[in-house]
Amino acid sequence: MKIIGTILLVLILGLYAAWMWYTKNKAGVSGKTESGVRIFDIVVKGVYSPSVIAARKGERVKIRFRREESADCSRFVNFPDFHIRKELPEGETVEIELTPERAGEYMFTCDMSMYQGKLVIT
């Protein structure tokens, strides 16, 4: 009986962890719009969260990164397709503004590409 209880507990904890991960990292987060600008807030802590964001071509996009860790890898964020590289000081919010003119998927990464995210433009 103890074994069955342990298995059920592990199963429930595993399902809860999977649900938390899914809801935190669901694809295509569309952000909010203020004064015609699509705004995204991304927390940098082990990963970019959310890691996938979505907007429309020609729409002004403002991405606000907040780095909540001291890992050296997350010190910079790069948008190679837009020739953007910004430092992310720990505990500060850094804004990046851009206006994608073409539909597609645009990666953003740390300097070593260990942290990865995607901007999806439709």
N, C-alpha and C. Protein backbone atom coordinates (compact mmCIF):
# COMPACT_ATOMS: atom_id res chain seq x y z
N MET A 1 0.82 -1.18 0.00
CA MET A 1 0.00 0.00 0.00
C MET A 1 0.88 1.26 0.00
N LYS A 2 2.02 1.23 0.72
CA LYS A 2 2.93 2.36 0.76
C LYS A 2 3.49 2.67 -0.63
N ILE A 3 3.78 1.64 -1.39
CA ILE A 3 4.35 1.81 -2.73
C ILE A 3 3.35 2.51 -3.65
N ILE A 4 2.10 2.09 -3.60
CA ILE A 4 1.07 2.70 -4.45
C ILE A 4 0.90 4.17 -4.08
N GLY A 5 0.89 4.48 -2.80
CA GLY A 5 0.77 5.87 -2.36
C GLY A 5 1.93 6.72 -2.84
N THR A 6 3.14 6.18 -2.77
CA THR A 6 4.32 6.88 -3.23
C THR A 6 4.26 7.13 -4.73
N ILE A 7 3.85 6.11 -5.48
CA ILE A 7 3.73 6.25 -6.94
C ILE A 7 2.69 7.31 -7.29
N LEU A 8 1.57 7.31 -6.62
CA LEU A 8 0.54 8.32 -6.88
C LEU A 8 1.03 9.73 -6.55
N LEU A 9 1.74 9.86 -5.45
CA LEU A 9 2.28 11.17 -5.07
C LEU A 9 3.27 11.68 -6.11
N VAL A 10 4.17 10.83 -6.57
CA VAL A 10 5.14 11.21 -7.59
C VAL A 10 4.43 11.57 -8.89
N LEU A 11 3.42 10.82 -9.26
CA LEU A 11 2.65 11.09 -10.47
C LEU A 11 1.95 12.45 -10.38
N ILE A 12 1.32 12.73 -9.26
CA ILE A 12 0.62 14.00 -9.07
C ILE A 12 1.61 15.17 -9.11
N LEU A 13 2.75 15.03 -8.44
CA LEU A 13 3.76 16.08 -8.45
C LEU A 13 4.32 16.30 -9.86
N GLY A 14 4.52 15.22 -10.60
CA GLY A 14 5.01 15.32 -11.97
C GLY A 14 4.02 16.04 -12.88
N LEU A 15 2.75 15.70 -12.75
CA LEU A 15 1.72 16.36 -13.55
C LEU A 15 1.61 17.85 -13.20
N TYR A 16 1.72 18.15 -11.92
CA TYR A 16 1.68 19.55 -11.48
C TYR A 16 2.87 20.33 -12.07
N ALA A 17 4.05 19.74 -12.01
CA ALA A 17 5.25 20.40 -12.56
C ALA A 17 5.10 20.62 -14.06
N ALA A 18 4.58 19.62 -14.78
CA ALA A 18 4.38 19.75 -16.23
C ALA A 18 3.37 20.85 -16.54
N TRP A 19 2.30 20.92 -15.77
CA TRP A 19 1.29 21.96 -15.97
C TRP A 19 1.88 23.34 -15.73
N MET A 20 2.67 23.49 -14.67
CA MET A 20 3.29 24.78 -14.37
C MET A 20 4.24 25.19 -15.49
N TRP A 21 5.05 24.26 -15.97
CA TRP A 21 5.97 24.56 -17.06
C TRP A 21 5.21 24.96 -18.31
N TYR A 22 4.15 24.24 -18.65
CA TYR A 22 3.38 24.52 -19.87
C TYR A 22 2.73 25.89 -19.80
N THR A 23 2.10 26.23 -18.69
CA THR A 23 1.41 27.51 -18.60
C THR A 23 2.40 28.67 -18.59
N LYS A 24 3.59 28.45 -18.08
CA LYS A 24 4.59 29.52 -18.03
C LYS A 24 5.27 29.71 -19.38
N ASN A 25 5.35 28.66 -20.20
CA ASN A 25 6.08 28.70 -21.46
C ASN A 25 5.20 28.43 -22.68
N LYS A 26 3.90 28.72 -22.59
CA LYS A 26 3.03 28.43 -23.72
C LYS A 26 3.43 29.28 -24.93
N ALA A 27 3.29 28.69 -26.08
CA ALA A 27 3.76 29.32 -27.31
C ALA A 27 2.87 30.47 -27.74
N GLY A 28 3.48 31.45 -28.39
CA GLY A 28 2.75 32.51 -29.03
C GLY A 28 2.09 33.53 -28.12
N VAL A 29 2.70 33.86 -27.02
CA VAL A 29 2.14 34.88 -26.15
C VAL A 29 2.05 36.17 -26.95
N SER A 30 0.87 36.80 -26.95
CA SER A 30 0.66 37.96 -27.82
C SER A 30 0.85 39.30 -27.13
N GLY A 31 1.15 39.32 -25.85
CA GLY A 31 1.42 40.57 -25.16
C GLY A 31 0.20 41.46 -25.05
N LYS A 32 0.45 42.72 -24.72
CA LYS A 32 -0.63 43.70 -24.63
C LYS A 32 -0.31 44.86 -25.55
N THR A 33 -1.34 45.62 -25.91
CA THR A 33 -1.15 46.75 -26.80
C THR A 33 -1.45 48.05 -26.07
N GLU A 34 -0.52 49.00 -26.17
CA GLU A 34 -0.70 50.33 -25.62
C GLU A 34 -0.28 51.34 -26.67
N SER A 35 -1.18 52.23 -27.04
CA SER A 35 -0.89 53.29 -28.02
C SER A 35 -0.31 52.73 -29.31
N GLY A 36 -0.85 51.61 -29.78
CA GLY A 36 -0.41 51.02 -31.03
C GLY A 36 0.90 50.26 -30.96
N VAL A 37 1.43 50.05 -29.77
CA VAL A 37 2.68 49.32 -29.60
C VAL A 37 2.39 48.00 -28.89
N ARG A 38 2.86 46.89 -29.45
CA ARG A 38 2.70 45.57 -28.81
C ARG A 38 3.81 45.45 -27.77
N ILE A 39 3.44 45.16 -26.52
CA ILE A 39 4.40 45.13 -25.40
C ILE A 39 4.47 43.74 -24.80
N PHE A 40 5.70 43.29 -24.58
CA PHE A 40 5.96 42.00 -23.96
C PHE A 40 6.87 42.19 -22.76
N ASP A 41 6.58 41.50 -21.68
CA ASP A 41 7.45 41.49 -20.50
C ASP A 41 8.06 40.10 -20.39
N ILE A 42 9.37 40.03 -20.46
CA ILE A 42 10.08 38.75 -20.40
C ILE A 42 10.98 38.74 -19.17
N VAL A 43 10.83 37.70 -18.37
CA VAL A 43 11.68 37.49 -17.20
C VAL A 43 12.83 36.58 -17.62
N VAL A 44 14.04 36.96 -17.24
CA VAL A 44 15.23 36.16 -17.54
C VAL A 44 15.68 35.53 -16.23
N LYS A 45 15.44 34.24 -16.11
CA LYS A 45 15.83 33.50 -14.91
C LYS A 45 15.92 32.02 -15.28
N GLY A 46 17.08 31.62 -15.74
CA GLY A 46 17.27 30.24 -16.20
C GLY A 46 16.81 30.03 -17.62
N VAL A 47 15.80 30.77 -18.04
CA VAL A 47 15.23 30.75 -19.40
C VAL A 47 14.65 32.13 -19.66
N TYR A 48 14.20 32.35 -20.89
CA TYR A 48 13.37 33.51 -21.19
C TYR A 48 11.93 33.07 -20.97
N SER A 49 11.19 33.82 -20.18
CA SER A 49 9.81 33.44 -19.90
C SER A 49 8.89 34.64 -20.06
N PRO A 50 8.02 34.63 -21.06
CA PRO A 50 7.78 33.56 -22.03
C PRO A 50 8.92 33.50 -23.06
N SER A 51 9.04 32.35 -23.68
CA SER A 51 10.14 32.16 -24.64
C SER A 51 9.67 32.35 -26.08
N VAL A 52 8.37 32.36 -26.32
CA VAL A 52 7.83 32.58 -27.65
C VAL A 52 6.81 33.71 -27.57
N ILE A 53 7.01 34.74 -28.38
CA ILE A 53 6.09 35.87 -28.41
C ILE A 53 5.65 36.10 -29.85
N ALA A 54 4.47 36.68 -30.04
CA ALA A 54 3.91 36.81 -31.39
C ALA A 54 3.37 38.21 -31.61
N ALA A 55 3.59 38.73 -32.84
CA ALA A 55 3.07 40.03 -33.26
C ALA A 55 2.82 39.97 -34.76
N ARG A 56 2.36 41.10 -35.31
CA ARG A 56 2.09 41.19 -36.74
C ARG A 56 3.16 42.03 -37.44
N LYS A 57 3.37 41.74 -38.71
CA LYS A 57 4.37 42.52 -39.45
C LYS A 57 3.92 43.98 -39.54
N GLY A 58 4.89 44.88 -39.45
CA GLY A 58 4.62 46.30 -39.48
C GLY A 58 4.19 46.88 -38.15
N GLU A 59 3.97 46.03 -37.16
CA GLU A 59 3.53 46.48 -35.84
C GLU A 59 4.75 46.82 -34.99
N ARG A 60 4.71 47.98 -34.33
CA ARG A 60 5.80 48.33 -33.42
C ARG A 60 5.76 47.38 -32.23
N VAL A 61 6.93 46.88 -31.87
CA VAL A 61 7.05 45.91 -30.78
C VAL A 61 8.02 46.46 -29.74
N LYS A 62 7.61 46.38 -28.48
CA LYS A 62 8.49 46.76 -27.37
C LYS A 62 8.61 45.53 -26.47
N ILE A 63 9.84 45.06 -26.29
CA ILE A 63 10.09 43.89 -25.44
C ILE A 63 10.87 44.37 -24.23
N ARG A 64 10.31 44.12 -23.05
CA ARG A 64 10.95 44.54 -21.80
C ARG A 64 11.52 43.30 -21.11
N PHE A 65 12.84 43.25 -21.03
CA PHE A 65 13.53 42.15 -20.37
C PHE A 65 13.86 42.55 -18.94
N ARG A 66 13.59 41.65 -18.01
CA ARG A 66 13.99 41.85 -16.61
C ARG A 66 14.80 40.63 -16.18
N ARG A 67 16.08 40.84 -15.94
CA ARG A 67 17.01 39.76 -15.56
C ARG A 67 16.99 39.60 -14.05
N GLU A 68 16.53 38.45 -13.59
CA GLU A 68 16.42 38.16 -12.15
C GLU A 68 17.40 37.08 -11.72
N GLU A 69 18.61 37.17 -12.21
CA GLU A 69 19.66 36.23 -11.85
C GLU A 69 21.01 36.87 -12.13
N SER A 70 22.05 36.22 -11.64
CA SER A 70 23.39 36.77 -11.85
C SER A 70 24.23 35.92 -12.80
N ALA A 71 23.64 34.90 -13.42
CA ALA A 71 24.38 34.05 -14.35
C ALA A 71 24.98 34.89 -15.47
N ASP A 72 26.26 34.73 -15.72
CA ASP A 72 26.95 35.53 -16.72
C ASP A 72 26.38 35.31 -18.11
N CYS A 73 25.89 34.12 -18.38
CA CYS A 73 25.35 33.79 -19.70
C CYS A 73 24.19 34.70 -20.08
N SER A 74 23.39 35.11 -19.11
CA SER A 74 22.19 35.90 -19.42
C SER A 74 22.46 37.40 -19.42
N ARG A 75 23.71 37.79 -19.40
CA ARG A 75 24.07 39.21 -19.29
C ARG A 75 23.69 40.02 -20.53
N PHE A 76 23.64 39.39 -21.68
CA PHE A 76 23.28 40.08 -22.93
C PHE A 76 22.16 39.33 -23.63
N VAL A 77 21.35 40.07 -24.39
CA VAL A 77 20.37 39.46 -25.28
C VAL A 77 20.67 39.95 -26.69
N ASN A 78 20.56 39.03 -27.66
CA ASN A 78 20.88 39.32 -29.06
C ASN A 78 19.68 39.02 -29.95
N PHE A 79 19.40 39.95 -30.86
CA PHE A 79 18.43 39.75 -31.93
C PHE A 79 19.23 39.86 -33.23
N PRO A 80 19.87 38.77 -33.67
CA PRO A 80 20.79 38.87 -34.81
C PRO A 80 20.14 39.38 -36.09
N ASP A 81 18.88 39.04 -36.34
CA ASP A 81 18.22 39.48 -37.57
C ASP A 81 17.97 40.99 -37.59
N PHE A 82 17.98 41.61 -36.43
CA PHE A 82 17.76 43.05 -36.32
C PHE A 82 19.03 43.80 -35.91
N HIS A 83 20.15 43.07 -35.82
CA HIS A 83 21.45 43.65 -35.43
C HIS A 83 21.34 44.39 -34.10
N ILE A 84 20.69 43.74 -33.13
CA ILE A 84 20.51 44.31 -31.80
C ILE A 84 21.20 43.42 -30.77
N ARG A 85 21.98 44.04 -29.91
CA ARG A 85 22.61 43.37 -28.76
C ARG A 85 22.53 44.32 -27.58
N LYS A 86 21.86 43.90 -26.52
CA LYS A 86 21.68 44.77 -25.35
C LYS A 86 22.15 44.06 -24.09
N GLU A 87 22.75 44.85 -23.20
CA GLU A 87 23.14 44.32 -21.89
C GLU A 87 21.91 44.32 -21.00
N LEU A 88 21.79 43.29 -20.17
CA LEU A 88 20.68 43.15 -19.23
C LEU A 88 21.24 43.18 -17.81
N PRO A 89 21.38 44.36 -17.22
CA PRO A 89 21.88 44.42 -15.84
C PRO A 89 20.90 43.70 -14.89
N GLU A 90 21.45 43.00 -13.93
CA GLU A 90 20.64 42.25 -12.97
C GLU A 90 19.68 43.18 -12.22
N GLY A 91 18.40 42.79 -12.17
CA GLY A 91 17.40 43.53 -11.43
C GLY A 91 16.85 44.77 -12.13
N GLU A 92 17.28 45.03 -13.35
CA GLU A 92 16.80 46.20 -14.09
C GLU A 92 15.99 45.74 -15.30
N THR A 93 15.08 46.60 -15.74
CA THR A 93 14.29 46.33 -16.93
C THR A 93 14.91 47.07 -18.11
N VAL A 94 15.14 46.34 -19.19
CA VAL A 94 15.73 46.89 -20.40
C VAL A 94 14.73 46.72 -21.54
N GLU A 95 14.45 47.81 -22.26
CA GLU A 95 13.49 47.78 -23.36
C GLU A 95 14.19 47.71 -24.70
N ILE A 96 13.63 46.90 -25.57
CA ILE A 96 14.09 46.82 -26.95
C ILE A 96 12.87 47.10 -27.83
N GLU A 97 13.00 48.05 -28.73
CA GLU A 97 11.91 48.37 -29.65
C GLU A 97 12.33 48.05 -31.07
N LEU A 98 11.40 47.47 -31.82
CA LEU A 98 11.65 47.17 -33.21
C LEU A 98 10.32 47.10 -33.95
N THR A 99 10.38 47.17 -35.28
CA THR A 99 9.21 47.06 -36.13
C THR A 99 9.52 46.06 -37.24
N PRO A 100 9.14 44.79 -37.05
CA PRO A 100 9.42 43.77 -38.07
C PRO A 100 8.59 44.04 -39.34
N GLU A 101 9.25 44.08 -40.46
CA GLU A 101 8.59 44.36 -41.74
C GLU A 101 8.26 43.11 -42.54
N ARG A 102 8.78 41.95 -42.10
CA ARG A 102 8.53 40.69 -42.81
C ARG A 102 8.01 39.65 -41.85
N ALA A 103 7.08 38.82 -42.32
CA ALA A 103 6.61 37.70 -41.52
C ALA A 103 7.73 36.68 -41.40
N GLY A 104 7.74 35.96 -40.29
CA GLY A 104 8.76 34.94 -40.07
C GLY A 104 9.00 34.71 -38.60
N GLU A 105 9.98 33.88 -38.32
CA GLU A 105 10.37 33.58 -36.95
C GLU A 105 11.77 34.13 -36.72
N TYR A 106 11.91 34.93 -35.69
CA TYR A 106 13.18 35.59 -35.38
C TYR A 106 13.64 35.16 -33.99
N MET A 107 14.83 34.58 -33.93
CA MET A 107 15.38 34.10 -32.66
C MET A 107 15.99 35.25 -31.87
N PHE A 108 15.91 35.13 -30.55
CA PHE A 108 16.71 35.98 -29.67
C PHE A 108 17.39 35.06 -28.68
N THR A 109 18.66 35.35 -28.38
CA THR A 109 19.48 34.45 -27.56
C THR A 109 20.42 35.25 -26.68
N CYS A 110 21.02 34.53 -25.73
CA CYS A 110 22.14 35.10 -24.98
C CYS A 110 23.39 34.98 -25.87
N ASP A 111 24.52 35.46 -25.40
CA ASP A 111 25.74 35.40 -26.20
C ASP A 111 26.17 33.98 -26.56
N MET A 112 25.90 33.01 -25.68
CA MET A 112 26.31 31.63 -25.93
C MET A 112 25.18 30.77 -26.49
N SER A 113 24.03 31.37 -26.77
CA SER A 113 22.85 30.69 -27.32
C SER A 113 22.29 29.61 -26.38
N MET A 114 22.60 29.70 -25.10
CA MET A 114 22.03 28.76 -24.14
C MET A 114 20.60 29.17 -23.76
N TYR A 115 20.33 30.46 -23.70
CA TYR A 115 18.99 31.00 -23.50
C TYR A 115 18.46 31.33 -24.89
N GLN A 116 17.28 30.80 -25.22
CA GLN A 116 16.73 31.03 -26.55
C GLN A 116 15.26 31.40 -26.49
N GLY A 117 14.88 32.31 -27.35
CA GLY A 117 13.49 32.69 -27.49
C GLY A 117 13.19 32.94 -28.95
N LYS A 118 11.90 33.15 -29.23
CA LYS A 118 11.49 33.33 -30.63
C LYS A 118 10.41 34.40 -30.71
N LEU A 119 10.57 35.32 -31.65
CA LEU A 119 9.57 36.32 -31.99
C LEU A 119 8.93 35.85 -33.28
N VAL A 120 7.63 35.54 -33.23
CA VAL A 120 6.90 35.04 -34.40
C VAL A 120 6.10 36.19 -34.98
N ILE A 121 6.35 36.51 -36.24
CA ILE A 121 5.67 37.61 -36.91
C ILE A 121 4.78 37.02 -38.01
N THR A 122 3.49 37.39 -37.97
CA THR A 122 2.54 36.90 -38.98
C THR A 122 2.04 38.03 -39.85
